[in-house]
Amino acid sequence: MVVGQCSAPACAGAAARWIEYGIGVGRIPPRAHTGGCPMSSGSGSGSGSGSRSRSRPATAQSVREVLLTVPNAVACPLCLPDSELGLLEC
């Protein structure tokens, strides 16, 4: 299983969270999104266009793990999954 990939029945259909993977051999997960994020929808133009094909549904715990442990992984600045998961420090 890929790090952060959700195989639970709850992830079927529209996922609450997504982890976007890079291109290439290493395919590190550089960015995490919430389910309704326009950057991960694959519609329209811009940097998010088509990124859904490189994204996998994820659980809240796997998104936390990626954001806290994967070097250079970031939360999407539009949908703020880190805020949703309570990962921001005051």
PDB file of N, CA and C in Angstrom:
ATOM      1  N   MET A   1       0.845  -1.182   0.000  1.00  0.00           N
ATOM      2  CA  MET A   1       0.000   0.000   0.000  1.00  0.00           C
ATOM      3  C   MET A   1       0.889   1.243   0.000  1.00  0.00           C
ATOM      4  N   VAL A   2       0.483   2.268  -0.690  1.00  0.00           N
ATOM      5  CA  VAL A   2       1.192   3.536  -0.760  1.00  0.00           C
ATOM      6  C   VAL A   2       0.966   4.298   0.539  1.00  0.00           C
ATOM      7  N   VAL A   3       1.988   4.988   1.028  1.00  0.00           N
ATOM      8  CA  VAL A   3       1.850   5.769   2.260  1.00  0.00           C
ATOM      9  C   VAL A   3       0.696   6.738   2.115  1.00  0.00           C
ATOM     10  N   GLY A   4      -0.203   6.718   3.082  1.00  0.00           N
ATOM     11  CA  GLY A   4      -1.310   7.656   3.082  1.00  0.00           C
ATOM     12  C   GLY A   4      -2.520   7.224   2.277  1.00  0.00           C
ATOM     13  N   GLN A   5      -2.431   6.091   1.583  1.00  0.00           N
ATOM     14  CA  GLN A   5      -3.556   5.652   0.762  1.00  0.00           C
ATOM     15  C   GLN A   5      -4.622   5.017   1.646  1.00  0.00           C
ATOM     16  N   CYS A   6      -5.858   5.340   1.401  1.00  0.00           N
ATOM     17  CA  CYS A   6      -6.962   4.830   2.191  1.00  0.00           C
ATOM     18  C   CYS A   6      -7.628   3.678   1.451  1.00  0.00           C
ATOM     19  N   SER A   7      -7.737   2.530   2.107  1.00  0.00           N
ATOM     20  CA  SER A   7      -8.424   1.401   1.484  1.00  0.00           C
ATOM     21  C   SER A   7      -9.718   1.080   2.218  1.00  0.00           C
ATOM     22  N   ALA A   8     -10.080   1.909   3.186  1.00  0.00           N
ATOM     23  CA  ALA A   8     -11.293   1.692   3.974  1.00  0.00           C
ATOM     24  C   ALA A   8     -12.536   1.971   3.140  1.00  0.00           C
ATOM     25  N   PRO A   9     -13.643   1.258   3.424  1.00  0.00           N
ATOM     26  CA  PRO A   9     -14.891   1.507   2.695  1.00  0.00           C
ATOM     27  C   PRO A   9     -15.355   2.958   2.790  1.00  0.00           C
ATOM     28  N   ALA A  10     -15.005   3.654   3.872  1.00  0.00           N
ATOM     29  CA  ALA A  10     -15.410   5.050   4.047  1.00  0.00           C
ATOM     30  C   ALA A  10     -14.781   5.951   2.987  1.00  0.00           C
ATOM     31  N   CYS A  11     -13.706   5.513   2.361  1.00  0.00           N
ATOM     32  CA  CYS A  11     -13.024   6.325   1.356  1.00  0.00           C
ATOM     33  C   CYS A  11     -13.591   6.119  -0.047  1.00  0.00           C
ATOM     34  N   ALA A  12     -14.539   5.218  -0.192  1.00  0.00           N
ATOM     35  CA  ALA A  12     -15.138   4.984  -1.504  1.00  0.00           C
ATOM     36  C   ALA A  12     -15.942   6.207  -1.915  1.00  0.00           C
ATOM     37  N   GLY A  13     -15.962   6.504  -3.205  1.00  0.00           N
ATOM     38  CA  GLY A  13     -16.694   7.669  -3.703  1.00  0.00           C
ATOM     39  C   GLY A  13     -15.936   8.945  -3.406  1.00  0.00           C
ATOM     40  N   ALA A  14     -16.636   9.960  -2.960  1.00  0.00           N
ATOM     41  CA  ALA A  14     -16.001  11.248  -2.667  1.00  0.00           C
ATOM     42  C   ALA A  14     -15.270  11.166  -1.332  1.00  0.00           C
ATOM     43  N   ALA A  15     -13.985  11.325  -1.381  1.00  0.00           N
ATOM     44  CA  ALA A  15     -13.174  11.235  -0.159  1.00  0.00           C
ATOM     45  C   ALA A  15     -13.173  12.558   0.584  1.00  0.00           C
ATOM     46  N   ALA A  16     -12.996  12.475   1.881  1.00  0.00           N
ATOM     47  CA  ALA A  16     -12.936  13.672   2.700  1.00  0.00           C
ATOM     48  C   ALA A  16     -11.562  14.327   2.609  1.00  0.00           C
ATOM     49  N   ARG A  17     -10.542  13.539   2.254  1.00  0.00           N
ATOM     50  CA  ARG A  17      -9.163  14.036   2.141  1.00  0.00           C
ATOM     51  C   ARG A  17      -8.443  13.330   1.006  1.00  0.00           C
ATOM     52  N   TRP A  18      -7.452  14.029   0.445  1.00  0.00           N
ATOM     53  CA  TRP A  18      -6.651  13.484  -0.650  1.00  0.00           C
ATOM     54  C   TRP A  18      -5.191  13.767  -0.398  1.00  0.00           C
ATOM     55  N   ILE A  19      -4.335  12.850  -0.819  1.00  0.00           N
ATOM     56  CA  ILE A  19      -2.906  13.100  -0.824  1.00  0.00           C
ATOM     57  C   ILE A  19      -2.468  13.068  -2.276  1.00  0.00           C
ATOM     58  N   GLU A  20      -1.880  14.163  -2.712  1.00  0.00           N
ATOM     59  CA  GLU A  20      -1.407  14.297  -4.093  1.00  0.00           C
ATOM     60  C   GLU A  20       0.041  13.819  -4.153  1.00  0.00           C
ATOM     61  N   TYR A  21       0.341  12.977  -5.132  1.00  0.00           N
ATOM     62  CA  TYR A  21       1.693  12.441  -5.278  1.00  0.00           C
ATOM     63  C   TYR A  21       2.402  13.129  -6.432  1.00  0.00           C
ATOM     64  N   GLY A  22       3.716  13.181  -6.357  1.00  0.00           N
ATOM     65  CA  GLY A  22       4.529  13.785  -7.402  1.00  0.00           C
ATOM     66  C   GLY A  22       4.633  12.891  -8.622  1.00  0.00           C
ATOM     67  N   ILE A  23       5.414  13.339  -9.571  1.00  0.00           N
ATOM     68  CA  ILE A  23       5.631  12.603 -10.808  1.00  0.00           C
ATOM     69  C   ILE A  23       7.032  12.008 -10.753  1.00  0.00           C
ATOM     70  N   GLY A  24       7.180  10.787 -11.229  1.00  0.00           N
ATOM     71  CA  GLY A  24       8.499  10.175 -11.299  1.00  0.00           C
ATOM     72  C   GLY A  24       8.630   8.953 -10.420  1.00  0.00           C
ATOM     73  N   VAL A  25       9.828   8.448 -10.369  1.00  0.00           N
ATOM     74  CA  VAL A  25      10.106   7.201  -9.676  1.00  0.00           C
ATOM     75  C   VAL A  25       9.838   7.297  -8.175  1.00  0.00           C
ATOM     76  N   GLY A  26      10.327   8.356  -7.530  1.00  0.00           N
ATOM     77  CA  GLY A  26      10.159   8.496  -6.083  1.00  0.00           C
ATOM     78  C   GLY A  26       8.726   8.705  -5.651  1.00  0.00           C
ATOM     79  N   ARG A  27       7.966   9.451  -6.422  1.00  0.00           N
ATOM     80  CA  ARG A  27       6.559   9.758  -6.174  1.00  0.00           C
ATOM     81  C   ARG A  27       6.251  10.070  -4.723  1.00  0.00           C
ATOM     82  N   ILE A  28       6.972  11.042  -4.166  1.00  0.00           N
ATOM     83  CA  ILE A  28       6.687  11.442  -2.793  1.00  0.00           C
ATOM     84  C   ILE A  28       5.367  12.213  -2.740  1.00  0.00           C
ATOM     85  N   PRO A  29       4.683  12.179  -1.613  1.00  0.00           N
ATOM     86  CA  PRO A  29       3.439  12.941  -1.492  1.00  0.00           C
ATOM     87  C   PRO A  29       3.724  14.392  -1.096  1.00  0.00           C
ATOM     88  N   PRO A  30       3.768  15.313  -2.063  1.00  0.00           N
ATOM     89  CA  PRO A  30       4.136  16.683  -1.740  1.00  0.00           C
ATOM     90  C   PRO A  30       3.022  17.546  -1.167  1.00  0.00           C
ATOM     91  N   ARG A  31       1.750  17.154  -1.348  1.00  0.00           N
ATOM     92  CA  ARG A  31       0.671  18.046  -0.926  1.00  0.00           C
ATOM     93  C   ARG A  31      -0.551  17.250  -0.479  1.00  0.00           C
ATOM     94  N   ALA A  32      -1.212  17.747   0.570  1.00  0.00           N
ATOM     95  CA  ALA A  32      -2.443  17.143   1.077  1.00  0.00           C
ATOM     96  C   ALA A  32      -3.599  18.115   0.851  1.00  0.00           C
ATOM     97  N   HIS A  33      -4.790  17.561   0.589  1.00  0.00           N
ATOM     98  CA  HIS A  33      -5.985  18.359   0.302  1.00  0.00           C
ATOM     99  C   HIS A  33      -7.187  17.823   1.070  1.00  0.00           C
ATOM    100  N   THR A  34      -8.200  18.667   1.240  1.00  0.00           N
ATOM    101  CA  THR A  34      -9.506  18.205   1.705  1.00  0.00           C
ATOM    102  C   THR A  34     -10.281  17.762   0.472  1.00  0.00           C
ATOM    103  N   GLY A  35     -11.380  17.060   0.663  1.00  0.00           N
ATOM    104  CA  GLY A  35     -12.134  16.495  -0.452  1.00  0.00           C
ATOM    105  C   GLY A  35     -12.714  17.497  -1.426  1.00  0.00           C
ATOM    106  N   GLY A  36     -13.103  18.661  -0.964  1.00  0.00           N
ATOM    107  CA  GLY A  36     -13.727  19.643  -1.830  1.00  0.00           C
ATOM    108  C   GLY A  36     -12.777  20.654  -2.432  1.00  0.00           C
ATOM    109  N   CYS A  37     -11.498  20.417  -2.343  1.00  0.00           N
ATOM    110  CA  CYS A  37     -10.516  21.396  -2.806  1.00  0.00           C
ATOM    111  C   CYS A  37     -10.520  21.543  -4.327  1.00  0.00           C
ATOM    112  N   PRO A  38     -10.571  22.781  -4.829  1.00  0.00           N
ATOM    113  CA  PRO A  38     -10.531  22.993  -6.278  1.00  0.00           C
ATOM    114  C   PRO A  38      -9.176  22.638  -6.886  1.00  0.00           C
ATOM    115  N   MET A  39      -8.109  22.643  -6.092  1.00  0.00           N
ATOM    116  CA  MET A  39      -6.783  22.296  -6.613  1.00  0.00           C
ATOM    117  C   MET A  39      -6.670  20.804  -6.914  1.00  0.00           C
ATOM    118  N   SER A  40      -7.425  19.976  -6.215  1.00  0.00           N
ATOM    119  CA  SER A  40      -7.323  18.542  -6.427  1.00  0.00           C
ATOM    120  C   SER A  40      -8.478  17.984  -7.247  1.00  0.00           C
ATOM    121  N   SER A  41      -9.345  18.873  -7.757  1.00  0.00           N
ATOM    122  CA  SER A  41     -10.531  18.391  -8.468  1.00  0.00           C
ATOM    123  C   SER A  41     -10.245  17.944  -9.881  1.00  0.00           C
ATOM    124  N   GLY A  42      -9.151  18.410 -10.476  1.00  0.00           N
ATOM    125  CA  GLY A  42      -8.831  18.018 -11.839  1.00  0.00           C
ATOM    126  C   GLY A  42      -9.680  18.733 -12.873  1.00  0.00           C
ATOM    127  N   SER A  43     -10.459  19.738 -12.456  1.00  0.00           N
ATOM    128  CA  SER A  43     -11.268  20.477 -13.412  1.00  0.00           C
ATOM    129  C   SER A  43     -10.701  21.869 -13.592  1.00  0.00           C
ATOM    130  N   GLY A  44     -10.948  22.440 -14.728  1.00  0.00           N
ATOM    131  CA  GLY A  44     -10.470  23.795 -14.994  1.00  0.00           C
ATOM    132  C   GLY A  44      -9.019  23.816 -15.383  1.00  0.00           C
ATOM    133  N   SER A  45      -8.421  25.006 -15.292  1.00  0.00           N
ATOM    134  CA  SER A  45      -7.024  25.143 -15.669  1.00  0.00           C
ATOM    135  C   SER A  45      -6.214  25.545 -14.466  1.00  0.00           C
ATOM    136  N   GLY A  46      -4.927  25.569 -14.629  1.00  0.00           N
ATOM    137  CA  GLY A  46      -4.055  25.970 -13.536  1.00  0.00           C
ATOM    138  C   GLY A  46      -3.273  24.802 -13.007  1.00  0.00           C
ATOM    139  N   SER A  47      -2.561  25.037 -11.912  1.00  0.00           N
ATOM    140  CA  SER A  47      -1.667  24.019 -11.379  1.00  0.00           C
ATOM    141  C   SER A  47      -2.401  22.806 -10.837  1.00  0.00           C
ATOM    142  N   GLY A  48      -3.678  22.928 -10.528  1.00  0.00           N
ATOM    143  CA  GLY A  48      -4.423  21.796  -9.999  1.00  0.00           C
ATOM    144  C   GLY A  48      -5.039  20.929 -11.073  1.00  0.00           C
ATOM    145  N   SER A  49      -5.022  21.386 -12.305  1.00  0.00           N
ATOM    146  CA  SER A  49      -5.664  20.652 -13.383  1.00  0.00           C
ATOM    147  C   SER A  49      -5.025  19.296 -13.578  1.00  0.00           C
ATOM    148  N   GLY A  50      -5.826  18.250 -13.424  1.00  0.00           N
ATOM    149  CA  GLY A  50      -5.351  16.901 -13.637  1.00  0.00           C
ATOM    150  C   GLY A  50      -4.636  16.290 -12.450  1.00  0.00           C
ATOM    151  N   SER A  51      -4.507  17.020 -11.363  1.00  0.00           N
ATOM    152  CA  SER A  51      -3.779  16.476 -10.222  1.00  0.00           C
ATOM    153  C   SER A  51      -4.548  15.355  -9.537  1.00  0.00           C
ATOM    154  N   ARG A  52      -5.856  15.264  -9.764  1.00  0.00           N
ATOM    155  CA  ARG A  52      -6.649  14.181  -9.166  1.00  0.00           C
ATOM    156  C   ARG A  52      -6.135  12.820  -9.640  1.00  0.00           C
ATOM    157  N   SER A  53      -5.599  12.742 -10.859  1.00  0.00           N
ATOM    158  CA  SER A  53      -5.072  11.472 -11.349  1.00  0.00           C
ATOM    159  C   SER A  53      -3.829  11.054 -10.579  1.00  0.00           C
ATOM    160  N   ARG A  54      -3.159  12.003  -9.928  1.00  0.00           N
ATOM    161  CA  ARG A  54      -1.987  11.697  -9.117  1.00  0.00           C
ATOM    162  C   ARG A  54      -2.329  11.698  -7.633  1.00  0.00           C
ATOM    163  N   SER A  55      -3.608  11.745  -7.303  1.00  0.00           N
ATOM    164  CA  SER A  55      -4.040  11.814  -5.914  1.00  0.00           C
ATOM    165  C   SER A  55      -4.699  10.512  -5.493  1.00  0.00           C
ATOM    166  N   ARG A  56      -4.634  10.244  -4.203  1.00  0.00           N
ATOM    167  CA  ARG A  56      -5.259   9.055  -3.641  1.00  0.00           C
ATOM    168  C   ARG A  56      -6.082   9.464  -2.428  1.00  0.00           C
ATOM    169  N   PRO A  57      -7.255   8.825  -2.227  1.00  0.00           N
ATOM    170  CA  PRO A  57      -8.039   9.110  -1.027  1.00  0.00           C
ATOM    171  C   PRO A  57      -7.234   8.743   0.215  1.00  0.00           C
ATOM    172  N   ALA A  58      -7.446   9.474   1.290  1.00  0.00           N
ATOM    173  CA  ALA A  58      -6.663   9.257   2.499  1.00  0.00           C
ATOM    174  C   ALA A  58      -7.498   9.449   3.752  1.00  0.00           C
ATOM    175  N   THR A  59      -7.081   8.805   4.809  1.00  0.00           N
ATOM    176  CA  THR A  59      -7.720   8.982   6.110  1.00  0.00           C
ATOM    177  C   THR A  59      -7.113  10.209   6.792  1.00  0.00           C
ATOM    178  N   ALA A  60      -7.777  10.694   7.821  1.00  0.00           N
ATOM    179  CA  ALA A  60      -7.254  11.833   8.575  1.00  0.00           C
ATOM    180  C   ALA A  60      -5.893  11.496   9.177  1.00  0.00           C
ATOM    181  N   GLN A  61      -5.757  10.280   9.701  1.00  0.00           N
ATOM    182  CA  GLN A  61      -4.496   9.873  10.315  1.00  0.00           C
ATOM    183  C   GLN A  61      -3.365   9.815   9.293  1.00  0.00           C
ATOM    184  N   SER A  62      -3.634   9.331   8.082  1.00  0.00           N
ATOM    185  CA  SER A  62      -2.570   9.250   7.075  1.00  0.00           C
ATOM    186  C   SER A  62      -2.162  10.640   6.587  1.00  0.00           C
ATOM    187  N   VAL A  63      -3.115  11.577   6.529  1.00  0.00           N
ATOM    188  CA  VAL A  63      -2.776  12.952   6.153  1.00  0.00           C
ATOM    189  C   VAL A  63      -1.906  13.577   7.245  1.00  0.00           C
ATOM    190  N   ARG A  64      -2.271  13.365   8.506  1.00  0.00           N
ATOM    191  CA  ARG A  64      -1.439  13.855   9.620  1.00  0.00           C
ATOM    192  C   ARG A  64      -0.020  13.304   9.511  1.00  0.00           C
ATOM    193  N   GLU A  65       0.077  11.999   9.274  1.00  0.00           N
ATOM    194  CA  GLU A  65       1.378  11.339   9.183  1.00  0.00           C
ATOM    195  C   GLU A  65       2.223  11.933   8.056  1.00  0.00           C
ATOM    196  N   VAL A  66       1.624  12.127   6.898  1.00  0.00           N
ATOM    197  CA  VAL A  66       2.362  12.699   5.767  1.00  0.00           C
ATOM    198  C   VAL A  66       2.815  14.112   6.080  1.00  0.00           C
ATOM    199  N   LEU A  67       1.932  14.950   6.600  1.00  0.00           N
ATOM    200  CA  LEU A  67       2.285  16.342   6.877  1.00  0.00           C
ATOM    201  C   LEU A  67       3.342  16.480   7.962  1.00  0.00           C
ATOM    202  N   LEU A  68       3.361  15.546   8.901  1.00  0.00           N
ATOM    203  CA  LEU A  68       4.308  15.634  10.005  1.00  0.00           C
ATOM    204  C   LEU A  68       5.640  14.924   9.745  1.00  0.00           C
ATOM    205  N   THR A  69       5.659  13.948   8.844  1.00  0.00           N
ATOM    206  CA  THR A  69       6.870  13.139   8.687  1.00  0.00           C
ATOM    207  C   THR A  69       7.539  13.195   7.324  1.00  0.00           C
ATOM    208  N   VAL A  70       6.818  13.538   6.274  1.00  0.00           N
ATOM    209  CA  VAL A  70       7.421  13.544   4.936  1.00  0.00           C
ATOM    210  C   VAL A  70       8.094  14.896   4.695  1.00  0.00           C
ATOM    211  N   PRO A  71       9.404  14.887   4.429  1.00  0.00           N
ATOM    212  CA  PRO A  71      10.105  16.152   4.162  1.00  0.00           C
ATOM    213  C   PRO A  71       9.486  16.881   2.965  1.00  0.00           C
ATOM    214  N   ASN A  72       9.301  18.169   3.095  1.00  0.00           N
ATOM    215  CA  ASN A  72       8.769  19.038   2.043  1.00  0.00           C
ATOM    216  C   ASN A  72       7.296  18.834   1.726  1.00  0.00           C
ATOM    217  N   ALA A  73       6.592  17.965   2.430  1.00  0.00           N
ATOM    218  CA  ALA A  73       5.153  17.817   2.213  1.00  0.00           C
ATOM    219  C   ALA A  73       4.455  19.020   2.828  1.00  0.00           C
ATOM    220  N   VAL A  74       3.480  19.575   2.118  1.00  0.00           N
ATOM    221  CA  VAL A  74       2.770  20.758   2.607  1.00  0.00           C
ATOM    222  C   VAL A  74       1.266  20.563   2.508  1.00  0.00           C
ATOM    223  N   ALA A  75       0.553  21.308   3.318  1.00  0.00           N
ATOM    224  CA  ALA A  75      -0.901  21.352   3.237  1.00  0.00           C
ATOM    225  C   ALA A  75      -1.274  22.345   2.144  1.00  0.00           C
ATOM    226  N   CYS A  76      -2.299  22.040   1.381  1.00  0.00           N
ATOM    227  CA  CYS A  76      -2.760  22.938   0.330  1.00  0.00           C
ATOM    228  C   CYS A  76      -3.132  24.294   0.942  1.00  0.00           C
ATOM    229  N   PRO A  77      -2.663  25.389   0.336  1.00  0.00           N
ATOM    230  CA  PRO A  77      -2.968  26.711   0.879  1.00  0.00           C
ATOM    231  C   PRO A  77      -4.414  27.160   0.632  1.00  0.00           C
ATOM    232  N   LEU A  78      -5.147  26.443  -0.210  1.00  0.00           N
ATOM    233  CA  LEU A  78      -6.544  26.814  -0.471  1.00  0.00           C
ATOM    234  C   LEU A  78      -7.522  26.127   0.479  1.00  0.00           C
ATOM    235  N   CYS A  79      -7.362  24.822   0.667  1.00  0.00           N
ATOM    236  CA  CYS A  79      -8.340  24.080   1.469  1.00  0.00           C
ATOM    237  C   CYS A  79      -7.900  23.850   2.913  1.00  0.00           C
ATOM    238  N   LEU A  80      -6.635  24.072   3.227  1.00  0.00           N
ATOM    239  CA  LEU A  80      -6.101  24.037   4.591  1.00  0.00           C
ATOM    240  C   LEU A  80      -6.430  22.769   5.388  1.00  0.00           C
ATOM    241  N   PRO A  81      -6.013  21.596   4.906  1.00  0.00           N
ATOM    242  CA  PRO A  81      -6.284  20.380   5.671  1.00  0.00           C
ATOM    243  C   PRO A  81      -5.567  20.354   7.016  1.00  0.00           C
ATOM    244  N   ASP A  82      -4.463  21.065   7.150  1.00  0.00           N
ATOM    245  CA  ASP A  82      -3.750  21.122   8.427  1.00  0.00           C
ATOM    246  C   ASP A  82      -4.599  21.832   9.484  1.00  0.00           C
ATOM    247  N   SER A  83      -5.314  22.860   9.078  1.00  0.00           N
ATOM    248  CA  SER A  83      -6.224  23.575   9.985  1.00  0.00           C
ATOM    249  C   SER A  83      -7.361  22.650  10.421  1.00  0.00           C
ATOM    250  N   GLU A  84      -7.930  21.962   9.454  1.00  0.00           N
ATOM    251  CA  GLU A  84      -9.037  21.059   9.708  1.00  0.00           C
ATOM    252  C   GLU A  84      -8.651  19.949  10.700  1.00  0.00           C
ATOM    253  N   LEU A  85      -7.394  19.505  10.609  1.00  0.00           N
ATOM    254  CA  LEU A  85      -6.924  18.421  11.470  1.00  0.00           C
ATOM    255  C   LEU A  85      -6.290  18.921  12.767  1.00  0.00           C
ATOM    256  N   GLY A  86      -6.271  20.227  12.977  1.00  0.00           N
ATOM    257  CA  GLY A  86      -5.740  20.792  14.208  1.00  0.00           C
ATOM    258  C   GLY A  86      -4.222  20.734  14.313  1.00  0.00           C
ATOM    259  N   LEU A  87      -3.524  20.816  13.186  1.00  0.00           N
ATOM    260  CA  LEU A  87      -2.082  20.728  13.191  1.00  0.00           C
ATOM    261  C   LEU A  87      -1.380  22.078  13.295  1.00  0.00           C
ATOM    262  N   LEU A  88      -2.130  23.168  13.267  1.00  0.00           N
ATOM    263  CA  LEU A  88      -1.505  24.485  13.349  1.00  0.00           C
ATOM    264  C   LEU A  88      -1.159  24.828  14.782  1.00  0.00           C
ATOM    265  N   GLU A  89       0.009  25.417  14.951  1.00  0.00           N
ATOM    266  CA  GLU A  89       0.434  25.842  16.280  1.00  0.00           C
ATOM    267  C   GLU A  89       0.096  27.310  16.476  1.00  0.00           C
ATOM    268  N   CYS A  90      -0.239  27.695  17.690  1.00  0.00           N
ATOM    269  CA  CYS A  90      -0.569  29.091  17.992  1.00  0.00           C
ATOM    270  C   CYS A  90       0.681  29.906  18.147  1.00  0.00           C
TER     271      CYS A  90
END
